[in-house]
N, C-alpha and C. Protein backbone atom coordinates (compact mmCIF):
# COMPACT_ATOMS: atom_id res chain seq x y z
N MET A 1 -15.17 20.43 -9.45
CA MET A 1 -15.99 20.54 -8.28
C MET A 1 -15.81 19.27 -7.43
N ALA A 2 -15.65 19.45 -6.15
CA ALA A 2 -15.43 18.33 -5.24
C ALA A 2 -16.70 17.48 -5.12
N VAL A 3 -16.48 16.19 -4.96
CA VAL A 3 -17.62 15.31 -4.73
C VAL A 3 -18.08 15.48 -3.29
N PRO A 4 -19.37 15.34 -3.05
CA PRO A 4 -19.87 15.44 -1.68
C PRO A 4 -19.23 14.36 -0.80
N PRO A 5 -19.08 14.63 0.49
CA PRO A 5 -18.45 13.64 1.39
C PRO A 5 -19.11 12.27 1.34
N ARG A 6 -20.43 12.23 1.26
CA ARG A 6 -21.12 10.93 1.20
C ARG A 6 -20.72 10.17 -0.06
N ASP A 7 -20.63 10.88 -1.19
CA ASP A 7 -20.21 10.24 -2.44
C ASP A 7 -18.77 9.75 -2.34
N ALA A 8 -17.90 10.55 -1.71
CA ALA A 8 -16.51 10.13 -1.56
C ALA A 8 -16.43 8.83 -0.75
N ALA A 9 -17.25 8.72 0.28
CA ALA A 9 -17.27 7.48 1.08
C ALA A 9 -17.74 6.30 0.23
N ARG A 10 -18.78 6.51 -0.57
CA ARG A 10 -19.27 5.43 -1.43
C ARG A 10 -18.24 5.06 -2.49
N LEU A 11 -17.54 6.04 -3.02
CA LEU A 11 -16.48 5.75 -3.99
C LEU A 11 -15.38 4.91 -3.35
N ARG A 12 -15.07 5.17 -2.10
CA ARG A 12 -14.07 4.34 -1.41
C ARG A 12 -14.60 2.92 -1.21
N HIS A 13 -15.90 2.77 -0.97
CA HIS A 13 -16.49 1.43 -0.86
C HIS A 13 -16.38 0.70 -2.20
N ILE A 14 -16.66 1.41 -3.28
CA ILE A 14 -16.55 0.82 -4.62
C ILE A 14 -15.10 0.43 -4.90
N GLU A 15 -14.18 1.30 -4.54
CA GLU A 15 -12.76 1.01 -4.74
C GLU A 15 -12.35 -0.25 -3.97
N ALA A 16 -12.72 -0.34 -2.71
CA ALA A 16 -12.34 -1.50 -1.89
C ALA A 16 -12.96 -2.79 -2.43
N ALA A 17 -14.23 -2.75 -2.80
CA ALA A 17 -14.88 -3.95 -3.32
C ALA A 17 -14.27 -4.36 -4.66
N SER A 18 -13.93 -3.38 -5.49
CA SER A 18 -13.30 -3.68 -6.79
C SER A 18 -11.92 -4.29 -6.60
N GLU A 19 -11.18 -3.79 -5.63
CA GLU A 19 -9.86 -4.36 -5.33
C GLU A 19 -9.99 -5.80 -4.85
N ARG A 20 -11.00 -6.08 -4.03
CA ARG A 20 -11.21 -7.46 -3.56
C ARG A 20 -11.59 -8.38 -4.72
N VAL A 21 -12.42 -7.90 -5.63
CA VAL A 21 -12.77 -8.70 -6.81
C VAL A 21 -11.51 -9.06 -7.58
N ALA A 22 -10.65 -8.08 -7.81
CA ALA A 22 -9.40 -8.33 -8.54
C ALA A 22 -8.54 -9.35 -7.81
N LEU A 23 -8.46 -9.24 -6.51
CA LEU A 23 -7.68 -10.19 -5.70
C LEU A 23 -8.26 -11.60 -5.80
N TYR A 24 -9.57 -11.70 -5.63
CA TYR A 24 -10.23 -13.02 -5.63
C TYR A 24 -10.13 -13.72 -6.97
N THR A 25 -10.05 -12.95 -8.04
CA THR A 25 -10.08 -13.53 -9.39
C THR A 25 -8.74 -13.44 -10.10
N ALA A 26 -7.69 -13.22 -9.35
CA ALA A 26 -6.35 -13.09 -9.96
C ALA A 26 -5.95 -14.34 -10.74
N GLY A 27 -6.53 -15.48 -10.42
CA GLY A 27 -6.21 -16.72 -11.12
C GLY A 27 -6.94 -16.91 -12.44
N GLY A 28 -7.71 -15.92 -12.85
CA GLY A 28 -8.44 -16.02 -14.11
C GLY A 28 -9.86 -16.51 -13.92
N HIS A 29 -10.52 -16.76 -15.04
CA HIS A 29 -11.94 -17.13 -14.98
C HIS A 29 -12.18 -18.43 -14.24
N GLU A 30 -11.15 -19.29 -14.14
CA GLU A 30 -11.30 -20.54 -13.40
C GLU A 30 -11.55 -20.28 -11.91
N SER A 31 -11.16 -19.09 -11.44
CA SER A 31 -11.39 -18.73 -10.03
C SER A 31 -12.86 -18.84 -9.66
N LEU A 32 -13.72 -18.55 -10.63
CA LEU A 32 -15.16 -18.53 -10.35
C LEU A 32 -15.78 -19.92 -10.29
N THR A 33 -15.00 -20.96 -10.57
CA THR A 33 -15.54 -22.32 -10.42
C THR A 33 -15.57 -22.74 -8.96
N ASP A 34 -14.83 -22.02 -8.11
CA ASP A 34 -14.87 -22.26 -6.67
C ASP A 34 -16.07 -21.53 -6.09
N ALA A 35 -16.95 -22.26 -5.43
CA ALA A 35 -18.20 -21.66 -4.93
C ALA A 35 -17.94 -20.51 -3.96
N ARG A 36 -16.95 -20.65 -3.11
CA ARG A 36 -16.67 -19.57 -2.15
C ARG A 36 -16.18 -18.31 -2.86
N THR A 37 -15.35 -18.49 -3.86
CA THR A 37 -14.85 -17.33 -4.60
C THR A 37 -15.99 -16.67 -5.35
N LEU A 38 -16.83 -17.46 -5.99
CA LEU A 38 -17.97 -16.89 -6.70
C LEU A 38 -18.88 -16.13 -5.73
N ASP A 39 -19.14 -16.72 -4.57
CA ASP A 39 -19.98 -16.04 -3.58
C ASP A 39 -19.35 -14.71 -3.14
N ALA A 40 -18.03 -14.71 -2.92
CA ALA A 40 -17.34 -13.49 -2.50
C ALA A 40 -17.41 -12.43 -3.59
N VAL A 41 -17.20 -12.83 -4.83
CA VAL A 41 -17.26 -11.89 -5.95
C VAL A 41 -18.67 -11.34 -6.10
N LEU A 42 -19.66 -12.19 -6.00
CA LEU A 42 -21.05 -11.71 -6.11
C LEU A 42 -21.38 -10.72 -5.00
N HIS A 43 -20.89 -10.98 -3.80
CA HIS A 43 -21.12 -10.03 -2.71
C HIS A 43 -20.49 -8.68 -3.05
N CYS A 44 -19.26 -8.70 -3.53
CA CYS A 44 -18.58 -7.45 -3.89
C CYS A 44 -19.32 -6.72 -5.00
N LEU A 45 -19.81 -7.45 -5.99
CA LEU A 45 -20.57 -6.82 -7.07
C LEU A 45 -21.87 -6.21 -6.55
N ALA A 46 -22.50 -6.87 -5.58
CA ALA A 46 -23.71 -6.32 -4.97
C ALA A 46 -23.38 -5.04 -4.19
N VAL A 47 -22.26 -5.03 -3.48
CA VAL A 47 -21.83 -3.83 -2.76
C VAL A 47 -21.58 -2.69 -3.75
N ILE A 48 -20.89 -3.00 -4.84
CA ILE A 48 -20.61 -1.98 -5.86
C ILE A 48 -21.92 -1.42 -6.41
N GLY A 49 -22.84 -2.29 -6.76
CA GLY A 49 -24.12 -1.84 -7.30
C GLY A 49 -24.90 -0.98 -6.32
N GLU A 50 -24.89 -1.37 -5.05
CA GLU A 50 -25.59 -0.59 -4.03
C GLU A 50 -24.94 0.77 -3.85
N ALA A 51 -23.61 0.79 -3.81
CA ALA A 51 -22.90 2.06 -3.63
C ALA A 51 -23.10 2.99 -4.84
N VAL A 52 -23.02 2.43 -6.04
CA VAL A 52 -23.25 3.24 -7.24
C VAL A 52 -24.65 3.83 -7.21
N GLY A 53 -25.61 3.05 -6.75
CA GLY A 53 -26.99 3.51 -6.72
C GLY A 53 -27.24 4.67 -5.77
N THR A 54 -26.32 4.91 -4.84
CA THR A 54 -26.50 6.02 -3.89
C THR A 54 -25.74 7.28 -4.29
N LEU A 55 -24.95 7.20 -5.37
CA LEU A 55 -24.17 8.36 -5.79
C LEU A 55 -25.08 9.46 -6.36
N SER A 56 -24.66 10.69 -6.17
CA SER A 56 -25.38 11.80 -6.79
C SER A 56 -25.20 11.71 -8.30
N GLU A 57 -26.09 12.34 -9.05
CA GLU A 57 -25.99 12.33 -10.51
C GLU A 57 -24.66 12.88 -10.99
N GLY A 58 -24.18 13.94 -10.35
CA GLY A 58 -22.94 14.57 -10.76
C GLY A 58 -21.74 13.65 -10.60
N THR A 59 -21.70 12.93 -9.49
CA THR A 59 -20.60 12.00 -9.26
C THR A 59 -20.72 10.80 -10.19
N TYR A 60 -21.92 10.28 -10.35
CA TYR A 60 -22.14 9.14 -11.25
C TYR A 60 -21.65 9.49 -12.66
N ALA A 61 -21.92 10.69 -13.09
CA ALA A 61 -21.53 11.11 -14.44
C ALA A 61 -20.02 11.13 -14.62
N LYS A 62 -19.27 11.25 -13.55
CA LYS A 62 -17.81 11.26 -13.62
C LYS A 62 -17.24 9.87 -13.83
N LEU A 63 -18.05 8.85 -13.62
CA LEU A 63 -17.61 7.47 -13.82
C LEU A 63 -17.94 7.09 -15.26
N THR A 64 -17.15 7.59 -16.17
CA THR A 64 -17.47 7.52 -17.60
C THR A 64 -17.46 6.12 -18.19
N SER A 65 -16.82 5.17 -17.53
CA SER A 65 -16.78 3.82 -18.07
C SER A 65 -18.05 3.03 -17.76
N LEU A 66 -18.88 3.55 -16.88
CA LEU A 66 -20.07 2.80 -16.48
C LEU A 66 -21.18 2.90 -17.52
N PRO A 67 -21.65 1.76 -18.01
CA PRO A 67 -22.89 1.82 -18.81
C PRO A 67 -24.02 2.24 -17.88
N PRO A 68 -24.92 3.10 -18.32
CA PRO A 68 -25.99 3.57 -17.44
C PRO A 68 -26.76 2.41 -16.80
N GLY A 69 -26.81 2.43 -15.49
CA GLY A 69 -27.60 1.46 -14.75
C GLY A 69 -27.02 0.08 -14.60
N ALA A 70 -25.89 -0.21 -15.22
CA ALA A 70 -25.37 -1.59 -15.22
C ALA A 70 -25.05 -2.14 -13.83
N PRO A 71 -24.30 -1.41 -12.99
CA PRO A 71 -24.01 -1.99 -11.68
C PRO A 71 -25.26 -2.22 -10.83
N ILE A 72 -26.22 -1.32 -10.96
CA ILE A 72 -27.46 -1.45 -10.20
C ILE A 72 -28.25 -2.65 -10.71
N SER A 73 -28.30 -2.82 -12.02
CA SER A 73 -29.00 -3.98 -12.59
C SER A 73 -28.34 -5.28 -12.16
N MET A 74 -27.00 -5.31 -12.16
CA MET A 74 -26.28 -6.51 -11.72
C MET A 74 -26.58 -6.79 -10.25
N ARG A 75 -26.57 -5.75 -9.43
CA ARG A 75 -26.88 -5.92 -8.01
C ARG A 75 -28.28 -6.49 -7.84
N ASN A 76 -29.24 -5.95 -8.55
CA ASN A 76 -30.62 -6.44 -8.44
C ASN A 76 -30.73 -7.90 -8.87
N LEU A 77 -30.03 -8.27 -9.91
CA LEU A 77 -30.03 -9.66 -10.36
C LEU A 77 -29.44 -10.56 -9.27
N ILE A 78 -28.31 -10.19 -8.72
CA ILE A 78 -27.64 -11.00 -7.69
C ILE A 78 -28.53 -11.15 -6.47
N VAL A 79 -29.16 -10.07 -6.05
CA VAL A 79 -29.94 -10.08 -4.81
C VAL A 79 -31.34 -10.66 -4.99
N HIS A 80 -32.00 -10.31 -6.08
CA HIS A 80 -33.40 -10.68 -6.24
C HIS A 80 -33.66 -11.85 -7.18
N GLU A 81 -32.73 -12.13 -8.09
CA GLU A 81 -32.91 -13.22 -9.05
C GLU A 81 -31.64 -14.06 -9.13
N TYR A 82 -31.12 -14.39 -7.96
CA TYR A 82 -29.84 -15.09 -7.84
C TYR A 82 -29.76 -16.35 -8.69
N TRP A 83 -30.87 -17.01 -8.92
CA TRP A 83 -30.88 -18.25 -9.71
C TRP A 83 -30.56 -18.00 -11.19
N ARG A 84 -30.63 -16.75 -11.62
CA ARG A 84 -30.35 -16.41 -13.02
C ARG A 84 -28.91 -15.93 -13.24
N VAL A 85 -28.12 -15.86 -12.18
CA VAL A 85 -26.74 -15.38 -12.31
C VAL A 85 -25.95 -16.35 -13.18
N ASP A 86 -25.31 -15.81 -14.21
CA ASP A 86 -24.51 -16.59 -15.16
C ASP A 86 -23.03 -16.31 -14.89
N PRO A 87 -22.27 -17.32 -14.48
CA PRO A 87 -20.84 -17.09 -14.21
C PRO A 87 -20.07 -16.51 -15.40
N VAL A 88 -20.51 -16.78 -16.61
CA VAL A 88 -19.85 -16.20 -17.78
C VAL A 88 -20.04 -14.68 -17.80
N VAL A 89 -21.23 -14.24 -17.49
CA VAL A 89 -21.51 -12.80 -17.43
C VAL A 89 -20.74 -12.17 -16.26
N VAL A 90 -20.69 -12.89 -15.14
CA VAL A 90 -19.93 -12.39 -13.99
C VAL A 90 -18.47 -12.21 -14.40
N TRP A 91 -17.90 -13.22 -15.07
CA TRP A 91 -16.50 -13.10 -15.48
C TRP A 91 -16.29 -11.93 -16.44
N THR A 92 -17.19 -11.74 -17.38
CA THR A 92 -17.08 -10.62 -18.31
C THR A 92 -17.09 -9.30 -17.54
N THR A 93 -17.94 -9.20 -16.56
CA THR A 93 -18.00 -8.00 -15.72
C THR A 93 -16.69 -7.81 -14.97
N VAL A 94 -16.19 -8.89 -14.39
CA VAL A 94 -14.94 -8.84 -13.63
C VAL A 94 -13.77 -8.44 -14.52
N ALA A 95 -13.68 -9.05 -15.68
CA ALA A 95 -12.52 -8.85 -16.55
C ALA A 95 -12.58 -7.54 -17.32
N ARG A 96 -13.76 -7.12 -17.73
CA ARG A 96 -13.88 -5.95 -18.60
C ARG A 96 -14.27 -4.68 -17.83
N ASP A 97 -15.25 -4.81 -16.94
CA ASP A 97 -15.85 -3.61 -16.35
C ASP A 97 -15.20 -3.16 -15.04
N ILE A 98 -14.81 -4.09 -14.20
CA ILE A 98 -14.26 -3.72 -12.90
C ILE A 98 -12.95 -2.94 -13.03
N PRO A 99 -12.01 -3.35 -13.88
CA PRO A 99 -10.77 -2.56 -13.99
C PRO A 99 -11.02 -1.11 -14.44
N SER A 100 -11.91 -0.91 -15.40
CA SER A 100 -12.17 0.46 -15.86
C SER A 100 -12.93 1.26 -14.79
N LEU A 101 -13.84 0.60 -14.08
CA LEU A 101 -14.54 1.28 -12.99
C LEU A 101 -13.54 1.69 -11.91
N LEU A 102 -12.63 0.81 -11.57
CA LEU A 102 -11.63 1.11 -10.55
C LEU A 102 -10.77 2.31 -10.97
N ARG A 103 -10.37 2.36 -12.23
CA ARG A 103 -9.60 3.51 -12.73
C ARG A 103 -10.41 4.81 -12.61
N ASP A 104 -11.67 4.76 -13.01
CA ASP A 104 -12.54 5.94 -12.91
C ASP A 104 -12.68 6.41 -11.46
N VAL A 105 -12.95 5.47 -10.57
CA VAL A 105 -13.15 5.81 -9.16
C VAL A 105 -11.89 6.44 -8.58
N ARG A 106 -10.75 5.84 -8.86
CA ARG A 106 -9.49 6.40 -8.35
C ARG A 106 -9.23 7.79 -8.91
N ALA A 107 -9.53 7.99 -10.19
CA ALA A 107 -9.32 9.31 -10.79
C ALA A 107 -10.20 10.35 -10.12
N VAL A 108 -11.46 10.00 -9.88
CA VAL A 108 -12.38 10.95 -9.23
C VAL A 108 -11.90 11.23 -7.82
N LEU A 109 -11.52 10.21 -7.08
CA LEU A 109 -11.05 10.42 -5.71
C LEU A 109 -9.78 11.27 -5.67
N GLU A 110 -8.87 11.05 -6.59
CA GLU A 110 -7.63 11.82 -6.62
C GLU A 110 -7.87 13.27 -7.04
N ARG A 111 -8.78 13.45 -7.98
CA ARG A 111 -9.00 14.77 -8.56
C ARG A 111 -10.02 15.60 -7.76
N ASP A 112 -11.09 14.95 -7.30
CA ASP A 112 -12.24 15.71 -6.80
C ASP A 112 -12.57 15.52 -5.33
N ALA A 113 -11.97 14.56 -4.68
CA ALA A 113 -12.38 14.32 -3.29
C ALA A 113 -11.51 15.09 -2.31
C-alpha cells in the first residue's frame, strides 16, 4: 500500500536530514567535538524526530529499525532539555541508528511512495 503524500514528504525530510548527519560526521565521533558540527547534528536529529512524529501509524510501522518513540524522545530532549544532551549518546545514535533509519526510509520510498 502506498504511503500517503504527506508521509512521503516527511520521509524525504528524514532522508535529507539523515544524509546531512552522515556528511557532518564522516570524520568519526571526533566530529562532534566541534560545536558547530554538534549543533548541526542536533538540529538534524530534531528535524528527524519532528518528522517521525507526524507519520501515520502505518508508515511508522514500516520503519522497522526504529525503537518505538526513540526519535521523538531524542527530539524532545534536544529541544526541551538541551542541557542534558550527552554527546556520547548522540554519537551512538548517529553511528548505530541513523544508517538503519536511512535504509528503512529509502526502502519505503522506493517500494511504497
